[in-house]
N, C-alpha and C. Protein backbone atom coordinates (compact mmCIF):
# COMPACT_ATOMS: atom_id res chain seq x y z
N MET A 1 -14.64 -3.22 21.86
CA MET A 1 -14.97 -3.37 20.05
C MET A 1 -14.31 -3.53 19.87
N THR A 2 -13.71 -5.06 19.25
CA THR A 2 -12.70 -5.16 18.48
C THR A 2 -13.70 -5.54 16.43
N MET A 3 -13.61 -5.18 15.46
CA MET A 3 -14.28 -5.52 14.28
C MET A 3 -13.04 -6.22 13.72
N GLU A 4 -13.75 -7.81 13.59
CA GLU A 4 -12.83 -8.14 12.25
C GLU A 4 -12.52 -7.78 10.98
N PHE A 5 -12.05 -7.28 9.88
CA PHE A 5 -12.22 -7.30 8.75
C PHE A 5 -11.51 -8.18 7.74
N THR A 6 -12.17 -9.19 7.24
CA THR A 6 -11.59 -9.92 6.33
C THR A 6 -11.40 -9.08 4.85
N VAL A 7 -10.62 -9.45 4.15
CA VAL A 7 -10.05 -9.40 2.40
C VAL A 7 -10.03 -10.88 2.37
N GLU A 8 -11.17 -10.77 1.19
CA GLU A 8 -10.81 -12.41 0.88
C GLU A 8 -10.87 -12.14 -0.48
N SER A 9 -10.06 -13.36 -1.58
CA SER A 9 -9.75 -12.48 -2.76
C SER A 9 -9.52 -11.07 -3.93
N LEU A 10 -8.78 -10.96 -2.81
CA LEU A 10 -8.00 -9.76 -3.21
C LEU A 10 -7.82 -9.90 -5.04
N GLU A 11 -8.20 -8.97 -5.74
CA GLU A 11 -7.88 -8.75 -7.21
C GLU A 11 -6.32 -8.81 -7.84
N THR A 12 -6.05 -7.81 -7.17
CA THR A 12 -4.66 -7.28 -6.93
C THR A 12 -3.67 -7.02 -5.61
N PRO A 13 -2.69 -7.40 -5.42
CA PRO A 13 -2.11 -7.78 -4.06
C PRO A 13 -1.85 -6.30 -3.51
N ALA A 14 -2.50 -5.69 -3.81
CA ALA A 14 -2.73 -4.26 -2.69
C ALA A 14 -3.90 -4.41 -2.80
N LEU A 15 -4.31 -3.58 -1.61
CA LEU A 15 -5.60 -3.04 -1.03
C LEU A 15 -5.97 -1.82 -1.04
N THR A 16 -7.10 -1.52 -2.31
CA THR A 16 -7.27 -0.43 -3.25
C THR A 16 -8.72 0.16 -1.88
N LYS A 17 -8.75 1.95 -2.35
CA LYS A 17 -9.04 2.64 -1.77
C LYS A 17 -10.88 2.22 -1.65
N ALA A 18 -11.47 1.91 -3.10
CA ALA A 18 -12.43 0.97 -2.88
C ALA A 18 -12.65 -0.47 -2.67
N GLN A 19 -11.37 -1.28 -2.03
CA GLN A 19 -12.04 -2.22 -1.61
C GLN A 19 -12.31 -1.38 -0.02
N LEU A 20 -11.90 -0.75 0.40
CA LEU A 20 -11.40 -0.44 1.78
C LEU A 20 -13.33 0.40 1.72
N ALA A 21 -13.68 0.52 1.20
CA ALA A 21 -15.75 1.36 0.73
C ALA A 21 -15.89 0.23 0.60
N ASP A 22 -16.19 -0.53 -0.05
CA ASP A 22 -16.67 -2.29 0.02
C ASP A 22 -16.58 -2.48 1.75
N LEU A 23 -15.26 -2.30 1.71
CA LEU A 23 -15.48 -3.63 3.56
C LEU A 23 -16.66 -3.11 4.12
N LEU A 24 -16.51 -1.25 4.21
CA LEU A 24 -17.22 -0.34 5.00
C LEU A 24 -18.48 -0.93 4.72
N PHE A 25 -18.78 -0.86 3.39
CA PHE A 25 -20.62 -1.37 3.04
C PHE A 25 -21.38 -3.18 4.23
N GLU A 26 -19.66 -4.09 3.61
CA GLU A 26 -20.51 -5.11 3.25
C GLU A 26 -20.68 -5.77 5.11
N GLN A 27 -19.49 -4.94 6.15
CA GLN A 27 -19.32 -5.42 7.54
C GLN A 27 -19.69 -4.52 8.05
N ILE A 28 -19.56 -2.82 7.57
CA ILE A 28 -20.11 -2.51 8.95
C ILE A 28 -21.69 -1.84 8.43
N GLY A 29 -22.10 -1.53 7.45
CA GLY A 29 -23.67 -1.57 7.05
C GLY A 29 -23.93 -0.27 6.27
N LEU A 30 -22.52 0.38 5.95
CA LEU A 30 -23.04 2.30 5.46
C LEU A 30 -23.65 1.81 4.01
N ASN A 31 -24.03 2.80 3.79
CA ASN A 31 -23.94 2.40 2.27
C ASN A 31 -23.28 2.69 1.10
N LYS A 32 -22.79 2.31 0.13
CA LYS A 32 -22.23 2.96 -0.67
C LYS A 32 -21.66 4.68 -1.18
N ARG A 33 -22.17 4.94 -1.07
CA ARG A 33 -21.43 6.61 -0.76
C ARG A 33 -21.13 6.87 0.36
N GLU A 34 -21.92 6.59 1.40
CA GLU A 34 -21.68 6.71 2.66
C GLU A 34 -19.74 6.53 2.68
N SER A 35 -19.74 4.63 2.36
CA SER A 35 -18.55 4.44 2.95
C SER A 35 -17.74 5.05 1.90
N LYS A 36 -18.02 5.21 0.43
CA LYS A 36 -16.98 5.87 -0.12
C LYS A 36 -16.28 7.47 0.07
N ASP A 37 -17.61 7.87 1.01
CA ASP A 37 -17.42 9.13 1.30
C ASP A 37 -16.77 9.23 2.78
N MET A 38 -16.61 8.52 3.12
CA MET A 38 -15.57 7.92 4.64
C MET A 38 -14.25 7.77 4.13
N VAL A 39 -14.16 7.02 3.32
CA VAL A 39 -13.20 6.32 2.89
C VAL A 39 -12.00 7.77 2.12
N ASP A 40 -12.36 8.77 1.68
CA ASP A 40 -12.05 9.49 0.52
C ASP A 40 -12.14 10.80 2.06
N ALA A 41 -13.00 10.94 2.55
CA ALA A 41 -12.58 12.14 3.50
C ALA A 41 -10.80 11.18 4.47
N PHE A 42 -11.18 9.94 5.48
CA PHE A 42 -10.02 9.68 5.35
C PHE A 42 -8.89 10.15 4.69
N PHE A 43 -8.46 9.33 4.24
CA PHE A 43 -7.67 10.01 2.98
C PHE A 43 -7.12 12.02 3.13
N GLU A 44 -8.35 12.29 3.08
CA GLU A 44 -8.01 13.81 2.92
C GLU A 44 -8.06 13.80 3.67
N LEU A 45 -8.38 13.75 4.92
CA LEU A 45 -7.61 14.75 6.15
C LEU A 45 -5.95 14.28 6.33
N LEU A 46 -6.48 13.09 6.12
CA LEU A 46 -4.45 12.39 6.90
C LEU A 46 -3.55 13.32 5.95
N SER A 47 -4.12 13.91 4.28
CA SER A 47 -3.08 13.77 3.39
C SER A 47 -2.93 15.75 3.34
N THR A 48 -4.12 16.05 4.05
CA THR A 48 -3.89 17.57 4.08
C THR A 48 -3.23 18.26 5.37
N SER A 49 -3.22 16.71 6.20
CA SER A 49 -3.00 16.64 7.80
C SER A 49 -0.66 17.00 7.41
N LEU A 50 -0.63 16.22 6.63
CA LEU A 50 0.68 15.40 5.85
C LEU A 50 1.31 16.71 5.79
N VAL A 51 0.60 17.59 4.52
CA VAL A 51 1.45 18.29 3.73
C VAL A 51 1.24 20.01 4.43
N ASP A 52 0.13 19.97 5.43
CA ASP A 52 0.43 20.95 6.45
C ASP A 52 2.16 21.19 7.23
N GLY A 53 2.53 19.80 7.29
CA GLY A 53 3.93 19.21 7.84
C GLY A 53 3.27 19.12 9.53
N GLN A 54 2.29 18.37 9.91
CA GLN A 54 1.34 17.56 11.06
C GLN A 54 1.66 16.15 10.74
N ASP A 55 2.39 15.78 11.64
CA ASP A 55 2.30 13.86 11.96
C ASP A 55 1.17 13.82 12.04
N VAL A 56 0.78 12.46 11.35
CA VAL A 56 -0.37 11.73 11.70
C VAL A 56 -0.22 10.32 12.61
N LYS A 57 -0.35 10.34 13.68
CA LYS A 57 -0.42 9.21 14.66
C LYS A 57 -1.84 8.35 14.49
N ILE A 58 -1.48 7.32 14.30
CA ILE A 58 -2.92 6.28 14.43
C ILE A 58 -2.84 4.79 15.41
N SER A 59 -3.61 5.25 15.78
CA SER A 59 -3.04 4.10 17.59
C SER A 59 -3.19 2.97 17.48
N GLY A 60 -2.38 2.11 17.87
CA GLY A 60 -2.43 0.53 17.34
C GLY A 60 -2.41 0.56 15.66
N PHE A 61 -2.11 1.39 15.10
CA PHE A 61 -1.45 0.98 13.47
C PHE A 61 0.06 1.78 13.24
N GLY A 62 0.58 3.15 13.73
CA GLY A 62 1.62 3.52 12.84
C GLY A 62 1.51 5.03 13.10
N ASN A 63 2.35 5.58 12.16
CA ASN A 63 2.76 6.70 13.04
C ASN A 63 3.65 7.35 11.53
N PHE A 64 3.08 8.43 10.39
CA PHE A 64 3.06 8.77 9.18
C PHE A 64 4.05 9.93 10.04
N GLN A 65 5.70 10.93 9.41
CA GLN A 65 6.20 12.27 9.92
C GLN A 65 6.72 12.38 8.37
N ILE A 66 6.21 13.60 8.46
CA ILE A 66 7.37 14.50 7.24
C ILE A 66 8.41 14.70 8.40
N ARG A 67 10.12 14.51 7.38
CA ARG A 67 10.67 14.54 7.31
C ARG A 67 11.50 15.85 6.25
N THR A 68 12.11 16.71 6.66
CA THR A 68 12.91 17.10 5.44
C THR A 68 14.24 17.20 5.44
N LYS A 69 15.18 16.35 4.28
CA LYS A 69 16.08 15.73 3.88
C LYS A 69 16.80 16.89 3.09
N ALA A 70 17.84 17.22 3.78
CA ALA A 70 18.58 18.27 2.87
C ALA A 70 19.16 17.88 1.95
N PRO A 71 19.96 19.16 1.53
CA PRO A 71 20.24 18.96 0.04
C PRO A 71 21.41 18.16 -0.02
N ARG A 72 21.90 16.99 -1.19
CA ARG A 72 22.97 16.11 -1.74
C ARG A 72 23.72 16.28 -2.36
N PRO A 73 24.95 15.93 -2.91
CA PRO A 73 25.72 15.65 -4.10
C PRO A 73 24.89 14.39 -4.18
N GLY A 74 24.22 13.84 -5.35
CA GLY A 74 23.82 12.80 -6.46
C GLY A 74 24.98 12.56 -7.84
N ARG A 75 24.17 11.43 -8.10
CA ARG A 75 25.48 11.37 -9.29
C ARG A 75 24.26 10.75 -10.48
N ASN A 76 24.31 10.78 -11.88
CA ASN A 76 22.95 9.72 -12.59
C ASN A 76 24.00 9.07 -12.74
N PRO A 77 23.29 7.73 -12.51
CA PRO A 77 23.93 6.65 -12.69
C PRO A 77 24.00 5.83 -14.24
N ARG A 78 23.58 6.85 -14.91
CA ARG A 78 23.82 6.05 -16.21
C ARG A 78 24.90 6.67 -17.23
N THR A 79 25.11 8.18 -17.05
CA THR A 79 26.12 8.88 -17.10
C THR A 79 26.97 8.93 -16.19
N GLY A 80 26.59 8.66 -15.22
CA GLY A 80 27.85 9.24 -14.04
C GLY A 80 27.91 10.71 -13.79
N GLU A 81 27.27 11.47 -13.82
CA GLU A 81 27.21 12.94 -13.98
C GLU A 81 27.20 13.47 -12.87
N ALA A 82 27.84 14.20 -12.11
CA ALA A 82 27.52 14.43 -10.83
C ALA A 82 25.85 15.46 -10.82
N ILE A 83 25.14 15.72 -9.78
CA ILE A 83 23.64 15.91 -10.23
C ILE A 83 23.57 16.48 -9.06
N PRO A 84 23.21 17.59 -8.62
CA PRO A 84 22.75 18.21 -6.84
C PRO A 84 21.16 17.36 -6.61
N ILE A 85 20.81 16.86 -5.84
CA ILE A 85 19.97 16.87 -5.74
C ILE A 85 19.30 17.48 -4.27
N GLU A 86 18.34 18.63 -4.17
CA GLU A 86 17.90 19.18 -4.10
C GLU A 86 17.04 19.42 -2.51
N ALA A 87 16.82 20.28 -1.59
CA ALA A 87 16.01 19.77 -0.70
C ALA A 87 14.55 18.87 -0.90
N ARG A 88 14.48 18.47 -0.40
CA ARG A 88 12.68 18.23 -0.21
C ARG A 88 12.39 17.64 1.23
N ARG A 89 10.64 17.75 1.42
CA ARG A 89 9.97 16.93 2.25
C ARG A 89 9.76 15.56 2.29
N VAL A 90 9.47 14.91 3.09
CA VAL A 90 9.33 13.71 2.62
C VAL A 90 8.34 12.78 3.63
N VAL A 91 7.82 11.75 3.45
CA VAL A 91 6.87 11.36 3.99
C VAL A 91 7.28 10.01 5.01
N THR A 92 7.79 9.88 6.00
CA THR A 92 7.83 8.38 6.48
C THR A 92 7.25 7.63 7.30
N PHE A 93 6.91 6.06 7.36
CA PHE A 93 5.79 5.95 7.75
C PHE A 93 6.71 4.73 9.48
N HIS A 94 6.24 4.70 10.32
CA HIS A 94 6.88 3.63 11.42
C HIS A 94 5.81 2.98 11.86
N ALA A 95 5.90 1.86 11.54
CA ALA A 95 4.59 0.72 12.01
C ALA A 95 4.41 1.21 13.85
N SER A 96 3.31 1.40 14.48
CA SER A 96 3.56 0.90 15.73
C SER A 96 3.88 -0.44 16.40
N SER A 97 3.70 -1.24 17.43
CA SER A 97 4.65 -2.72 18.06
C SER A 97 3.20 -3.41 17.86
N LYS A 98 2.67 -2.81 17.78
CA LYS A 98 1.57 -4.10 17.79
C LYS A 98 1.24 -4.39 16.94
N LEU A 99 1.57 -3.62 15.21
CA LEU A 99 0.83 -3.85 13.61
C LEU A 99 2.55 -4.51 13.67
N LYS A 100 3.50 -4.15 14.42
CA LYS A 100 5.04 -5.00 14.31
C LYS A 100 4.77 -6.31 14.73
N GLU A 101 3.87 -6.58 16.12
CA GLU A 101 3.55 -8.21 16.05
C GLU A 101 2.52 -8.46 15.68
N GLN A 102 1.76 -8.14 15.41
CA GLN A 102 0.78 -8.91 13.99
C GLN A 102 1.76 -9.29 12.92
N ILE A 103 2.45 -8.37 12.26
CA ILE A 103 3.26 -9.57 11.48
C ILE A 103 4.21 -10.11 11.54
N GLN A 104 4.51 -10.04 12.60
CA GLN A 104 5.59 -11.39 13.00
C GLN A 104 4.65 -12.56 13.44
N ASP A 105 3.67 -12.51 14.29
CA ASP A 105 2.80 -13.21 14.42
C ASP A 105 1.95 -13.89 12.97
N ALA A 106 2.10 -13.73 12.16
CA ALA A 106 1.31 -13.95 11.39
C ALA A 106 2.35 -14.70 9.91
N GLY A 107 3.21 -14.27 10.07
CA GLY A 107 4.58 -14.58 9.26
C GLY A 107 4.74 -15.97 9.80
N LYS A 108 4.48 -16.51 11.43
CA LYS A 108 4.57 -18.03 11.53
C LYS A 108 4.14 -18.49 11.79
N SER A 109 2.93 -18.44 11.12
CA SER A 109 1.56 -19.57 10.87
C SER A 109 2.00 -20.51 9.55
């Protein structure tokens, strides 16, 4: 079963959690509290998994991965002063081939 979600008249160029909850309410029929709780639970699970160092794979959408970046020398662009950049963990996202195709197809119209 494939569901079509349409996001019409976005007030901002970004899709928000509140708008996702509204879509669940309008198109799936959950009540507003359930919709908000479901969106919050999804993002909490996603965040917790990433913080714990687990990759998150969403079929047909893409993969969120944790990478550890090594320390490296940096430079303050304003002063030119050399500053060490410490090692850190970052999140990367790689779109699935299915999502990439959809984006390319939408750009052709």
